[in-house]
Amino acid sequence: MSPHRIYLLSPAHCGGKRAGLIFNDAARFTLAQRLRQPQGVPIGEVFSFLSGLYFRGKLAYSQAFATPPPGLAGAYAITSNRGLLPIDTPVTLADLAGFAAVDIQLEDERYATPLRLEAQRLLCQMHPASEVILLGSIASGKYVDLLLEVFGNRLHFPEEFIGRGDMSRGGLMLRCASESWQLSYIPVAGAIRRGKRPPKLKPR
């Protein structure tokens, strides 16, 4: 077993319908009001609202199983313009607007440069045998290509993600977190990242 394991969580979409609820000036629900305060709201909580089941699963799973070295967080959220942020980092409505203004495309240096720099910083502080686990889309290169460039063979992903959609992954991770069993991690490098859709999760 790796002495340390850190999770990278793919971001929530900050320009969708749920984000529109937050940005509405007439919004009175608690999260929207807290985001308008200087102290902000932890990014993990905000992304869980925006993404629903999928990010809630990633958050619960990473909190259950992360084993970070001293001085590092156990889980980091990928962002569109600030690289990697620990999931308890507070963000405000202005931060959220900044996320929404940048597309996650490797060709956009507003996204790629901060992510590359933060990934390199994380690599420098990790134990030589540490693993980095990507909880996000492994079929697309928008996260994988850049992270693989930095972390190489240390970058892993759950094998059970292959062929699953976002909602299925979210439900699977929530179940894992509640039942204290981990998924099987395999290196991203050389992996077959697309495959046949697995059977649906059995009802609990």
N, C-alpha and C. Protein backbone atom coordinates (compact mmCIF):
# COMPACT_ATOMS: atom_id res chain seq x y z
N MET A 1 0.84 -1.21 0.00
CA MET A 1 0.00 0.00 0.00
C MET A 1 0.87 1.25 0.00
N SER A 2 0.48 2.22 -0.80
CA SER A 2 1.23 3.47 -0.83
C SER A 2 1.21 4.14 0.53
N PRO A 3 2.34 4.75 0.96
CA PRO A 3 2.35 5.43 2.25
C PRO A 3 1.44 6.66 2.27
N HIS A 4 1.22 7.23 1.11
CA HIS A 4 0.36 8.41 1.03
C HIS A 4 -0.47 8.35 -0.24
N ARG A 5 -1.71 8.82 -0.12
CA ARG A 5 -2.61 8.84 -1.28
C ARG A 5 -3.40 10.15 -1.26
N ILE A 6 -3.35 10.85 -2.38
CA ILE A 6 -4.01 12.15 -2.53
C ILE A 6 -4.98 12.06 -3.70
N TYR A 7 -6.13 12.68 -3.56
CA TYR A 7 -7.16 12.64 -4.59
C TYR A 7 -7.31 13.99 -5.28
N LEU A 8 -7.47 13.95 -6.59
CA LEU A 8 -7.76 15.13 -7.39
C LEU A 8 -9.17 14.99 -7.94
N LEU A 9 -10.03 15.96 -7.63
CA LEU A 9 -11.45 15.89 -7.98
C LEU A 9 -11.73 16.80 -9.17
N SER A 10 -12.28 16.25 -10.23
CA SER A 10 -12.63 17.07 -11.38
C SER A 10 -13.69 18.09 -10.98
N PRO A 11 -13.71 19.26 -11.65
CA PRO A 11 -14.56 20.36 -11.19
C PRO A 11 -16.02 20.21 -11.55
N ALA A 12 -16.84 20.98 -10.87
CA ALA A 12 -18.24 21.12 -11.24
C ALA A 12 -18.38 22.19 -12.32
N HIS A 13 -19.43 22.09 -13.12
CA HIS A 13 -19.71 23.10 -14.14
C HIS A 13 -20.25 24.36 -13.47
N CYS A 14 -19.56 25.47 -13.66
CA CYS A 14 -19.93 26.71 -12.97
C CYS A 14 -20.78 27.64 -13.83
N GLY A 15 -21.26 27.15 -14.97
CA GLY A 15 -22.08 28.00 -15.82
C GLY A 15 -23.43 27.40 -16.15
N GLY A 16 -23.84 26.38 -15.41
CA GLY A 16 -25.10 25.70 -15.70
C GLY A 16 -26.29 26.28 -14.94
N LYS A 17 -27.38 25.51 -14.94
CA LYS A 17 -28.63 25.98 -14.32
C LYS A 17 -28.49 26.17 -12.82
N ARG A 18 -27.79 25.25 -12.16
CA ARG A 18 -27.66 25.38 -10.71
C ARG A 18 -26.79 26.57 -10.36
N ALA A 19 -25.78 26.85 -11.19
CA ALA A 19 -24.98 28.05 -10.97
C ALA A 19 -25.84 29.30 -11.15
N GLY A 20 -26.76 29.24 -12.12
CA GLY A 20 -27.66 30.37 -12.34
C GLY A 20 -28.49 30.70 -11.12
N LEU A 21 -28.85 29.68 -10.36
CA LEU A 21 -29.60 29.92 -9.12
C LEU A 21 -28.76 30.72 -8.13
N ILE A 22 -27.48 30.41 -8.07
CA ILE A 22 -26.58 31.11 -7.14
C ILE A 22 -26.36 32.55 -7.57
N PHE A 23 -26.15 32.76 -8.87
CA PHE A 23 -25.83 34.09 -9.38
C PHE A 23 -27.04 35.02 -9.41
N ASN A 24 -28.22 34.48 -9.29
CA ASN A 24 -29.43 35.30 -9.31
C ASN A 24 -29.41 36.26 -8.11
N ASP A 25 -29.51 37.54 -8.40
CA ASP A 25 -29.47 38.55 -7.33
C ASP A 25 -30.60 38.39 -6.32
N ALA A 26 -31.66 37.71 -6.74
CA ALA A 26 -32.79 37.53 -5.83
C ALA A 26 -32.67 36.28 -4.98
N ALA A 27 -31.58 35.54 -5.14
CA ALA A 27 -31.41 34.27 -4.41
C ALA A 27 -31.38 34.52 -2.91
N ARG A 28 -32.17 33.76 -2.19
CA ARG A 28 -32.23 33.90 -0.74
C ARG A 28 -31.85 32.63 0.01
N PHE A 29 -31.57 31.54 -0.72
CA PHE A 29 -31.22 30.31 0.00
C PHE A 29 -29.83 30.45 0.62
N THR A 30 -29.57 29.65 1.62
CA THR A 30 -28.42 29.84 2.50
C THR A 30 -27.09 29.86 1.76
N LEU A 31 -26.87 28.91 0.86
CA LEU A 31 -25.58 28.84 0.18
C LEU A 31 -25.32 30.09 -0.64
N ALA A 32 -26.32 30.56 -1.35
CA ALA A 32 -26.15 31.77 -2.16
C ALA A 32 -25.81 32.97 -1.28
N GLN A 33 -26.44 33.06 -0.13
CA GLN A 33 -26.16 34.17 0.78
C GLN A 33 -24.76 34.06 1.38
N ARG A 34 -24.35 32.87 1.74
CA ARG A 34 -23.02 32.69 2.30
C ARG A 34 -21.93 33.03 1.29
N LEU A 35 -22.16 32.72 0.02
CA LEU A 35 -21.18 33.03 -1.01
C LEU A 35 -21.00 34.53 -1.21
N ARG A 36 -21.96 35.31 -0.76
CA ARG A 36 -21.89 36.76 -0.87
C ARG A 36 -21.20 37.40 0.34
N GLN A 37 -20.78 36.57 1.27
CA GLN A 37 -20.07 37.06 2.44
C GLN A 37 -18.56 36.93 2.24
N PRO A 38 -17.77 37.80 2.88
CA PRO A 38 -16.31 37.77 2.68
C PRO A 38 -15.66 36.44 3.04
N GLN A 39 -16.22 35.73 4.00
CA GLN A 39 -15.59 34.48 4.43
C GLN A 39 -15.81 33.34 3.45
N GLY A 40 -16.80 33.46 2.57
CA GLY A 40 -17.02 32.47 1.54
C GLY A 40 -17.50 31.12 2.05
N VAL A 41 -17.42 30.12 1.18
CA VAL A 41 -17.90 28.76 1.45
C VAL A 41 -16.85 27.77 0.92
N PRO A 42 -16.56 26.68 1.63
CA PRO A 42 -15.60 25.70 1.12
C PRO A 42 -15.93 25.24 -0.30
N ILE A 43 -14.92 25.19 -1.14
CA ILE A 43 -15.17 24.86 -2.55
C ILE A 43 -15.80 23.49 -2.72
N GLY A 44 -15.48 22.55 -1.83
CA GLY A 44 -16.09 21.24 -1.91
C GLY A 44 -17.60 21.30 -1.74
N GLU A 45 -18.05 22.14 -0.83
CA GLU A 45 -19.48 22.31 -0.60
C GLU A 45 -20.15 22.97 -1.80
N VAL A 46 -19.50 23.98 -2.36
CA VAL A 46 -20.07 24.70 -3.51
C VAL A 46 -20.16 23.77 -4.72
N PHE A 47 -19.09 23.05 -5.01
CA PHE A 47 -19.10 22.15 -6.17
C PHE A 47 -20.10 21.01 -5.97
N SER A 48 -20.32 20.60 -4.73
CA SER A 48 -21.32 19.56 -4.47
C SER A 48 -22.71 20.06 -4.83
N PHE A 49 -22.99 21.32 -4.54
CA PHE A 49 -24.28 21.89 -4.91
C PHE A 49 -24.41 21.98 -6.43
N LEU A 50 -23.36 22.42 -7.09
CA LEU A 50 -23.42 22.63 -8.53
C LEU A 50 -23.53 21.32 -9.29
N SER A 51 -22.84 20.30 -8.81
CA SER A 51 -22.73 19.05 -9.55
C SER A 51 -23.68 17.97 -9.06
N GLY A 52 -24.15 18.10 -7.83
CA GLY A 52 -25.08 17.11 -7.30
C GLY A 52 -24.38 15.81 -6.93
N LEU A 53 -25.00 14.69 -7.32
CA LEU A 53 -24.56 13.37 -6.88
C LEU A 53 -23.10 13.09 -7.23
N TYR A 54 -22.66 13.46 -8.41
CA TYR A 54 -21.31 13.11 -8.85
C TYR A 54 -20.25 13.72 -7.94
N PHE A 55 -20.32 15.01 -7.70
CA PHE A 55 -19.30 15.62 -6.86
C PHE A 55 -19.48 15.22 -5.40
N ARG A 56 -20.70 15.05 -4.95
CA ARG A 56 -20.91 14.59 -3.57
C ARG A 56 -20.23 13.25 -3.36
N GLY A 57 -20.30 12.39 -4.38
CA GLY A 57 -19.62 11.11 -4.29
C GLY A 57 -18.12 11.26 -4.22
N LYS A 58 -17.56 12.12 -5.07
CA LYS A 58 -16.12 12.34 -5.06
C LYS A 58 -15.66 12.91 -3.73
N LEU A 59 -16.43 13.84 -3.21
CA LEU A 59 -16.06 14.49 -1.95
C LEU A 59 -16.09 13.49 -0.80
N ALA A 60 -17.17 12.74 -0.68
CA ALA A 60 -17.30 11.77 0.41
C ALA A 60 -16.22 10.69 0.30
N TYR A 61 -15.97 10.24 -0.90
CA TYR A 61 -14.98 9.17 -1.10
C TYR A 61 -13.58 9.65 -0.72
N SER A 62 -13.20 10.81 -1.21
CA SER A 62 -11.86 11.32 -0.93
C SER A 62 -11.68 11.61 0.56
N GLN A 63 -12.71 12.11 1.21
CA GLN A 63 -12.62 12.38 2.64
C GLN A 63 -12.51 11.08 3.45
N ALA A 64 -13.09 10.01 2.92
CA ALA A 64 -13.05 8.73 3.64
C ALA A 64 -11.70 8.04 3.52
N PHE A 65 -11.01 8.20 2.39
CA PHE A 65 -9.86 7.34 2.12
C PHE A 65 -8.53 8.07 1.89
N ALA A 66 -8.52 9.38 1.89
CA ALA A 66 -7.25 10.08 1.66
C ALA A 66 -6.26 9.82 2.79
N THR A 67 -5.00 9.67 2.43
CA THR A 67 -3.92 9.50 3.42
C THR A 67 -2.77 10.43 3.01
N PRO A 68 -2.95 11.73 3.17
CA PRO A 68 -1.94 12.69 2.70
C PRO A 68 -0.73 12.76 3.63
N PRO A 69 0.40 13.19 3.10
CA PRO A 69 1.56 13.43 3.96
C PRO A 69 1.35 14.71 4.75
N PRO A 70 2.11 14.93 5.82
CA PRO A 70 1.98 16.16 6.59
C PRO A 70 2.18 17.39 5.71
N GLY A 71 1.32 18.38 5.91
CA GLY A 71 1.45 19.62 5.18
C GLY A 71 0.66 19.69 3.89
N LEU A 72 0.05 18.56 3.48
CA LEU A 72 -0.74 18.55 2.25
C LEU A 72 -2.17 18.14 2.56
N ALA A 73 -3.09 18.61 1.73
CA ALA A 73 -4.49 18.20 1.87
C ALA A 73 -4.67 16.80 1.29
N GLY A 74 -5.73 16.15 1.71
CA GLY A 74 -6.01 14.82 1.18
C GLY A 74 -6.72 14.86 -0.15
N ALA A 75 -7.38 15.97 -0.45
CA ALA A 75 -8.13 16.08 -1.70
C ALA A 75 -8.08 17.52 -2.21
N TYR A 76 -7.95 17.63 -3.51
CA TYR A 76 -7.89 18.93 -4.18
C TYR A 76 -8.90 18.97 -5.31
N ALA A 77 -9.58 20.10 -5.42
CA ALA A 77 -10.50 20.29 -6.54
C ALA A 77 -9.76 20.95 -7.70
N ILE A 78 -9.93 20.40 -8.88
CA ILE A 78 -9.41 21.04 -10.08
C ILE A 78 -10.31 22.24 -10.39
N THR A 79 -9.71 23.37 -10.71
CA THR A 79 -10.49 24.56 -11.07
C THR A 79 -10.10 25.03 -12.46
N SER A 80 -10.89 25.92 -13.01
CA SER A 80 -10.64 26.38 -14.37
C SER A 80 -9.58 27.47 -14.46
N ASN A 81 -9.28 28.14 -13.34
CA ASN A 81 -8.33 29.26 -13.43
C ASN A 81 -7.40 29.40 -12.23
N ARG A 82 -7.51 28.48 -11.25
CA ARG A 82 -6.64 28.56 -10.06
C ARG A 82 -5.93 27.25 -9.77
N GLY A 83 -5.86 26.40 -10.75
CA GLY A 83 -5.15 25.15 -10.57
C GLY A 83 -5.86 24.21 -9.62
N LEU A 84 -5.16 23.75 -8.60
CA LEU A 84 -5.69 22.82 -7.60
C LEU A 84 -5.93 23.55 -6.29
N LEU A 85 -7.12 23.40 -5.74
CA LEU A 85 -7.44 24.01 -4.45
C LEU A 85 -7.87 22.93 -3.48
N PRO A 86 -7.32 22.93 -2.25
CA PRO A 86 -7.83 21.99 -1.23
C PRO A 86 -9.34 22.15 -1.10
N ILE A 87 -10.02 21.04 -0.87
CA ILE A 87 -11.48 21.07 -0.91
C ILE A 87 -12.10 21.92 0.18
N ASP A 88 -11.33 22.28 1.20
CA ASP A 88 -11.88 23.16 2.24
C ASP A 88 -11.53 24.63 2.01
N THR A 89 -10.96 24.97 0.85
CA THR A 89 -10.62 26.36 0.53
C THR A 89 -11.90 27.18 0.36
N PRO A 90 -12.05 28.29 1.09
CA PRO A 90 -13.27 29.10 0.92
C PRO A 90 -13.24 29.88 -0.39
N VAL A 91 -14.38 29.92 -1.06
CA VAL A 91 -14.53 30.71 -2.28
C VAL A 91 -15.78 31.57 -2.15
N THR A 92 -15.77 32.68 -2.87
CA THR A 92 -16.89 33.62 -2.84
C THR A 92 -17.60 33.62 -4.20
N LEU A 93 -18.64 34.44 -4.29
CA LEU A 93 -19.36 34.56 -5.55
C LEU A 93 -18.44 35.08 -6.66
N ALA A 94 -17.53 35.98 -6.32
CA ALA A 94 -16.59 36.50 -7.30
C ALA A 94 -15.66 35.40 -7.81
N ASP A 95 -15.23 34.53 -6.91
CA ASP A 95 -14.40 33.39 -7.33
C ASP A 95 -15.17 32.49 -8.28
N LEU A 96 -16.42 32.25 -7.95
CA LEU A 96 -17.25 31.38 -8.78
C LEU A 96 -17.45 31.99 -10.17
N ALA A 97 -17.62 33.30 -10.22
CA ALA A 97 -17.74 33.98 -11.51
C ALA A 97 -16.45 33.83 -12.31
N GLY A 98 -15.32 33.87 -11.62
CA GLY A 98 -14.04 33.67 -12.30
C GLY A 98 -13.92 32.28 -12.87
N PHE A 99 -14.38 31.26 -12.13
CA PHE A 99 -14.36 29.90 -12.64
C PHE A 99 -15.23 29.79 -13.91
N ALA A 100 -16.40 30.41 -13.85
CA ALA A 100 -17.34 30.31 -14.96
C ALA A 100 -16.83 30.99 -16.23
N ALA A 101 -15.92 31.94 -16.07
CA ALA A 101 -15.45 32.73 -17.21
C ALA A 101 -14.37 32.02 -18.03
N VAL A 102 -13.85 30.91 -17.53
CA VAL A 102 -12.75 30.21 -18.22
C VAL A 102 -13.18 28.79 -18.58
N ASP A 103 -13.06 28.46 -19.87
CA ASP A 103 -13.37 27.10 -20.31
C ASP A 103 -12.23 26.16 -19.97
N ILE A 104 -12.57 24.94 -19.65
CA ILE A 104 -11.54 23.94 -19.35
C ILE A 104 -11.09 23.31 -20.65
N GLN A 105 -10.11 23.93 -21.25
CA GLN A 105 -9.52 23.48 -22.49
C GLN A 105 -8.01 23.60 -22.38
N LEU A 106 -7.29 22.58 -22.78
CA LEU A 106 -5.84 22.61 -22.65
C LEU A 106 -5.20 23.74 -23.45
N GLU A 107 -5.90 24.20 -24.48
CA GLU A 107 -5.36 25.28 -25.31
C GLU A 107 -5.46 26.63 -24.61
N ASP A 108 -6.26 26.72 -23.56
CA ASP A 108 -6.45 27.97 -22.83
C ASP A 108 -5.45 28.03 -21.68
N GLU A 109 -4.46 28.90 -21.78
CA GLU A 109 -3.42 28.98 -20.76
C GLU A 109 -3.96 29.48 -19.42
N ARG A 110 -5.10 30.13 -19.42
CA ARG A 110 -5.70 30.55 -18.15
C ARG A 110 -6.08 29.33 -17.31
N TYR A 111 -6.37 28.23 -17.99
CA TYR A 111 -6.65 26.96 -17.31
C TYR A 111 -5.39 26.13 -17.13
N ALA A 112 -4.65 25.94 -18.22
CA ALA A 112 -3.53 25.00 -18.21
C ALA A 112 -2.37 25.44 -17.34
N THR A 113 -2.01 26.71 -17.40
CA THR A 113 -0.82 27.17 -16.67
C THR A 113 -0.99 27.03 -15.15
N PRO A 114 -2.07 27.53 -14.54
CA PRO A 114 -2.20 27.35 -13.08
C PRO A 114 -2.28 25.89 -12.67
N LEU A 115 -2.95 25.07 -13.46
CA LEU A 115 -3.06 23.66 -13.11
C LEU A 115 -1.70 22.98 -13.17
N ARG A 116 -0.93 23.28 -14.19
CA ARG A 116 0.40 22.68 -14.32
C ARG A 116 1.29 23.11 -13.15
N LEU A 117 1.26 24.39 -12.81
CA LEU A 117 2.11 24.89 -11.73
C LEU A 117 1.73 24.28 -10.38
N GLU A 118 0.44 24.18 -10.11
CA GLU A 118 0.00 23.62 -8.84
C GLU A 118 0.29 22.12 -8.77
N ALA A 119 0.14 21.44 -9.90
CA ALA A 119 0.46 20.02 -9.93
C ALA A 119 1.95 19.79 -9.69
N GLN A 120 2.78 20.63 -10.28
CA GLN A 120 4.22 20.51 -10.06
C GLN A 120 4.60 20.81 -8.62
N ARG A 121 3.93 21.81 -8.02
CA ARG A 121 4.18 22.12 -6.61
C ARG A 121 3.80 20.94 -5.73
N LEU A 122 2.66 20.34 -6.02
CA LEU A 122 2.22 19.17 -5.26
C LEU A 122 3.21 18.02 -5.41
N LEU A 123 3.67 17.79 -6.61
CA LEU A 123 4.63 16.71 -6.86
C LEU A 123 5.90 16.90 -6.04
N CYS A 124 6.37 18.13 -5.94
CA CYS A 124 7.60 18.40 -5.20
C CYS A 124 7.46 18.14 -3.70
N GLN A 125 6.25 18.21 -3.18
CA GLN A 125 6.03 18.03 -1.75
C GLN A 125 5.61 16.62 -1.36
N MET A 126 5.37 15.78 -2.36
CA MET A 126 4.91 14.43 -2.10
C MET A 126 6.05 13.49 -1.73
N HIS A 127 5.71 12.43 -1.02
CA HIS A 127 6.64 11.34 -0.77
C HIS A 127 6.93 10.63 -2.10
N PRO A 128 8.15 10.14 -2.33
CA PRO A 128 8.47 9.49 -3.61
C PRO A 128 7.55 8.34 -4.00
N ALA A 129 6.96 7.68 -3.02
CA ALA A 129 6.08 6.54 -3.31
C ALA A 129 4.60 6.91 -3.26
N SER A 130 4.28 8.20 -3.13
CA SER A 130 2.88 8.61 -3.03
C SER A 130 2.13 8.38 -4.35
N GLU A 131 0.84 8.18 -4.22
CA GLU A 131 -0.03 8.04 -5.39
C GLU A 131 -0.98 9.22 -5.46
N VAL A 132 -1.28 9.61 -6.68
CA VAL A 132 -2.29 10.62 -6.94
C VAL A 132 -3.43 9.94 -7.68
N ILE A 133 -4.65 10.05 -7.15
CA ILE A 133 -5.80 9.38 -7.73
C ILE A 133 -6.73 10.43 -8.34
N LEU A 134 -6.99 10.32 -9.63
CA LEU A 134 -7.91 11.23 -10.30
C LEU A 134 -9.32 10.69 -10.20
N LEU A 135 -10.19 11.46 -9.55
CA LEU A 135 -11.61 11.14 -9.51
C LEU A 135 -12.30 12.08 -10.49
N GLY A 136 -12.40 11.64 -11.71
CA GLY A 136 -12.97 12.47 -12.77
C GLY A 136 -12.93 11.71 -14.08
N SER A 137 -13.26 12.39 -15.14
CA SER A 137 -13.30 11.77 -16.46
C SER A 137 -11.90 11.35 -16.89
N ILE A 138 -11.77 10.07 -17.23
CA ILE A 138 -10.49 9.58 -17.72
C ILE A 138 -10.55 9.31 -19.22
N ALA A 139 -11.73 9.43 -19.81
CA ALA A 139 -11.86 9.24 -21.25
C ALA A 139 -11.40 10.48 -22.02
N SER A 140 -11.57 11.65 -21.41
CA SER A 140 -11.18 12.91 -22.03
C SER A 140 -9.77 13.30 -21.59
N GLY A 141 -9.06 13.98 -22.49
CA GLY A 141 -7.70 14.39 -22.17
C GLY A 141 -7.61 15.71 -21.45
N LYS A 142 -8.74 16.38 -21.19
CA LYS A 142 -8.66 17.75 -20.67
C LYS A 142 -8.08 17.82 -19.26
N TYR A 143 -8.18 16.73 -18.50
CA TYR A 143 -7.48 16.66 -17.22
C TYR A 143 -6.28 15.73 -17.34
N VAL A 144 -6.51 14.58 -17.92
CA VAL A 144 -5.54 13.50 -17.92
C VAL A 144 -4.23 13.88 -18.60
N ASP A 145 -4.31 14.49 -19.76
CA ASP A 145 -3.08 14.76 -20.53
C ASP A 145 -2.11 15.64 -19.74
N LEU A 146 -2.63 16.69 -19.13
CA LEU A 146 -1.77 17.60 -18.39
C LEU A 146 -1.26 16.95 -17.10
N LEU A 147 -2.14 16.27 -16.37
CA LEU A 147 -1.74 15.66 -15.11
C LEU A 147 -0.76 14.51 -15.33
N LEU A 148 -0.94 13.78 -16.41
CA LEU A 148 -0.03 12.69 -16.73
C LEU A 148 1.36 13.22 -17.06
N GLU A 149 1.39 14.36 -17.70
CA GLU A 149 2.66 15.01 -18.01
C GLU A 149 3.45 15.33 -16.74
N VAL A 150 2.75 15.70 -15.69
CA VAL A 150 3.41 16.08 -14.43
C VAL A 150 3.68 14.85 -13.55
N PHE A 151 2.66 14.03 -13.34
CA PHE A 151 2.77 12.95 -12.34
C PHE A 151 3.25 11.62 -12.91
N GLY A 152 3.15 11.44 -14.21
CA GLY A 152 3.62 10.20 -14.83
C GLY A 152 2.95 8.98 -14.23
N ASN A 153 3.75 7.96 -13.86
CA ASN A 153 3.21 6.70 -13.36
C ASN A 153 2.58 6.80 -11.98
N ARG A 154 2.71 7.94 -11.33
CA ARG A 154 2.06 8.10 -10.02
C ARG A 154 0.56 8.40 -10.16
N LEU A 155 0.14 8.80 -11.35
CA LEU A 155 -1.26 9.16 -11.57
C LEU A 155 -2.08 7.89 -11.82
N HIS A 156 -3.08 7.67 -10.95
CA HIS A 156 -3.95 6.50 -11.04
C HIS A 156 -5.41 6.94 -11.15
N PHE A 157 -6.27 5.98 -11.44
CA PHE A 157 -7.72 6.23 -11.43
C PHE A 157 -8.42 4.93 -11.07
N PRO A 158 -9.67 5.00 -10.60
CA PRO A 158 -10.39 3.78 -10.24
C PRO A 158 -10.76 2.98 -11.50
N GLU A 159 -10.36 1.75 -11.52
CA GLU A 159 -10.66 0.90 -12.68
C GLU A 159 -12.16 0.77 -12.89
N GLU A 160 -12.92 0.82 -11.81
CA GLU A 160 -14.37 0.69 -11.91
C GLU A 160 -15.04 1.86 -12.62
N PHE A 161 -14.30 2.94 -12.87
CA PHE A 161 -14.86 4.09 -13.59
C PHE A 161 -15.05 3.79 -15.08
N ILE A 162 -14.30 2.85 -15.61
CA ILE A 162 -14.33 2.59 -17.04
C ILE A 162 -15.74 2.19 -17.47
N GLY A 163 -16.28 2.92 -18.43
CA GLY A 163 -17.61 2.63 -18.96
C GLY A 163 -18.76 3.23 -18.19
N ARG A 164 -18.51 3.78 -17.02
CA ARG A 164 -19.59 4.36 -16.20
C ARG A 164 -19.81 5.82 -16.52
N GLY A 165 -21.05 6.26 -16.42
CA GLY A 165 -21.38 7.67 -16.53
C GLY A 165 -21.18 8.37 -15.20
N ASP A 166 -21.31 9.68 -15.22
CA ASP A 166 -21.05 10.47 -14.02
C ASP A 166 -21.93 10.07 -12.84
N MET A 167 -23.23 9.89 -13.09
CA MET A 167 -24.14 9.59 -11.98
C MET A 167 -23.83 8.23 -11.37
N SER A 168 -23.49 7.26 -12.23
CA SER A 168 -23.14 5.94 -11.73
C SER A 168 -21.87 6.00 -10.88
N ARG A 169 -20.89 6.78 -11.31
CA ARG A 169 -19.66 6.94 -10.54
C ARG A 169 -19.97 7.58 -9.18
N GLY A 170 -20.81 8.62 -9.20
CA GLY A 170 -21.15 9.29 -7.95
C GLY A 170 -21.81 8.35 -6.96
N GLY A 171 -22.79 7.58 -7.44
CA GLY A 171 -23.46 6.63 -6.57
C GLY A 171 -22.52 5.56 -6.05
N LEU A 172 -21.62 5.10 -6.91
CA LEU A 172 -20.66 4.08 -6.50
C LEU A 172 -19.74 4.61 -5.39
N MET A 173 -19.26 5.84 -5.55
CA MET A 173 -18.35 6.40 -4.55
C MET A 173 -19.05 6.67 -3.23
N LEU A 174 -20.29 7.11 -3.26
CA LEU A 174 -21.02 7.30 -2.02
C LEU A 174 -21.20 5.97 -1.29
N ARG A 175 -21.47 4.93 -2.05
CA ARG A 175 -21.63 3.62 -1.44
C ARG A 175 -20.32 3.14 -0.83
N CYS A 176 -19.23 3.35 -1.57
CA CYS A 176 -17.92 2.95 -1.05
C CYS A 176 -17.59 3.67 0.25
N ALA A 177 -17.85 4.97 0.28
CA ALA A 177 -17.54 5.76 1.48
C ALA A 177 -18.36 5.30 2.67
N SER A 178 -19.63 4.99 2.45
CA SER A 178 -20.48 4.60 3.57
C SER A 178 -20.19 3.18 4.05
N GLU A 179 -19.66 2.34 3.15
CA GLU A 179 -19.41 0.94 3.51
C GLU A 179 -17.92 0.65 3.73
N SER A 180 -17.09 1.69 3.64
CA SER A 180 -15.65 1.59 3.94
C SER A 180 -14.93 0.57 3.08
N TRP A 181 -15.19 0.59 1.78
CA TRP A 181 -14.39 -0.23 0.87
C TRP A 181 -13.95 0.61 -0.32
N GLN A 182 -12.68 0.41 -0.68
CA GLN A 182 -12.09 1.23 -1.73
C GLN A 182 -12.17 0.55 -3.10
N LEU A 183 -12.13 1.38 -4.11
CA LEU A 183 -12.08 0.91 -5.49
C LEU A 183 -10.68 0.43 -5.83
N SER A 184 -10.52 -0.15 -7.00
CA SER A 184 -9.22 -0.67 -7.45
C SER A 184 -8.55 0.39 -8.32
N TYR A 185 -7.36 0.82 -7.94
CA TYR A 185 -6.68 1.88 -8.67
C TYR A 185 -5.66 1.29 -9.65
N ILE A 186 -5.65 1.85 -10.85
CA ILE A 186 -4.68 1.43 -11.86
C ILE A 186 -4.02 2.67 -12.45
N PRO A 187 -2.78 2.54 -12.94
CA PRO A 187 -2.11 3.69 -13.53
C PRO A 187 -2.85 4.19 -14.77
N VAL A 188 -2.89 5.51 -14.92
CA VAL A 188 -3.48 6.10 -16.11
C VAL A 188 -2.64 5.79 -17.34
N ALA A 189 -1.32 5.85 -17.19
CA ALA A 189 -0.41 5.62 -18.31
C ALA A 189 -0.61 4.21 -18.86
N GLY A 190 -0.96 4.13 -20.12
CA GLY A 190 -1.13 2.85 -20.79
C GLY A 190 -2.47 2.18 -20.57
N ALA A 191 -3.36 2.79 -19.78
CA ALA A 191 -4.65 2.15 -19.47
C ALA A 191 -5.63 2.31 -20.63
N ILE A 192 -6.51 1.35 -20.75
CA ILE A 192 -7.66 1.48 -21.66
C ILE A 192 -8.72 2.27 -20.90
N ARG A 193 -9.00 3.47 -21.38
CA ARG A 193 -9.86 4.37 -20.59
C ARG A 193 -11.31 4.39 -21.04
N ARG A 194 -11.62 3.65 -22.07
CA ARG A 194 -13.01 3.51 -22.52
C ARG A 194 -13.35 2.03 -22.57
N GLY A 195 -14.55 1.70 -22.18
CA GLY A 195 -14.92 0.29 -22.18
C GLY A 195 -16.42 0.10 -22.13
N LYS A 196 -16.82 -1.15 -22.04
CA LYS A 196 -18.23 -1.52 -22.00
C LYS A 196 -18.85 -1.03 -20.69
N ARG A 197 -20.08 -0.55 -20.81
CA ARG A 197 -20.78 -0.07 -19.61
C ARG A 197 -21.03 -1.24 -18.66
N PRO A 198 -20.61 -1.10 -17.39
CA PRO A 198 -20.84 -2.19 -16.42
C PRO A 198 -22.30 -2.26 -16.00
N PRO A 199 -22.69 -3.34 -15.33
CA PRO A 199 -24.08 -3.45 -14.84
C PRO A 199 -24.41 -2.32 -13.87
N LYS A 200 -25.69 -1.96 -13.81
CA LYS A 200 -26.12 -0.93 -12.88
C LYS A 200 -25.90 -1.40 -11.43
N LEU A 201 -25.69 -0.44 -10.55
CA LEU A 201 -25.55 -0.77 -9.14
C LEU A 201 -26.85 -1.40 -8.64
N LYS A 202 -26.71 -2.42 -7.81
CA LYS A 202 -27.88 -3.04 -7.24
C LYS A 202 -28.49 -2.11 -6.19
N PRO A 203 -29.81 -2.04 -6.13
CA PRO A 203 -30.45 -1.21 -5.10
C PRO A 203 -30.03 -1.67 -3.71
N ARG A 204 -29.85 -0.71 -2.82
CA ARG A 204 -29.43 -1.05 -1.46
C ARG A 204 -30.63 -1.51 -0.65
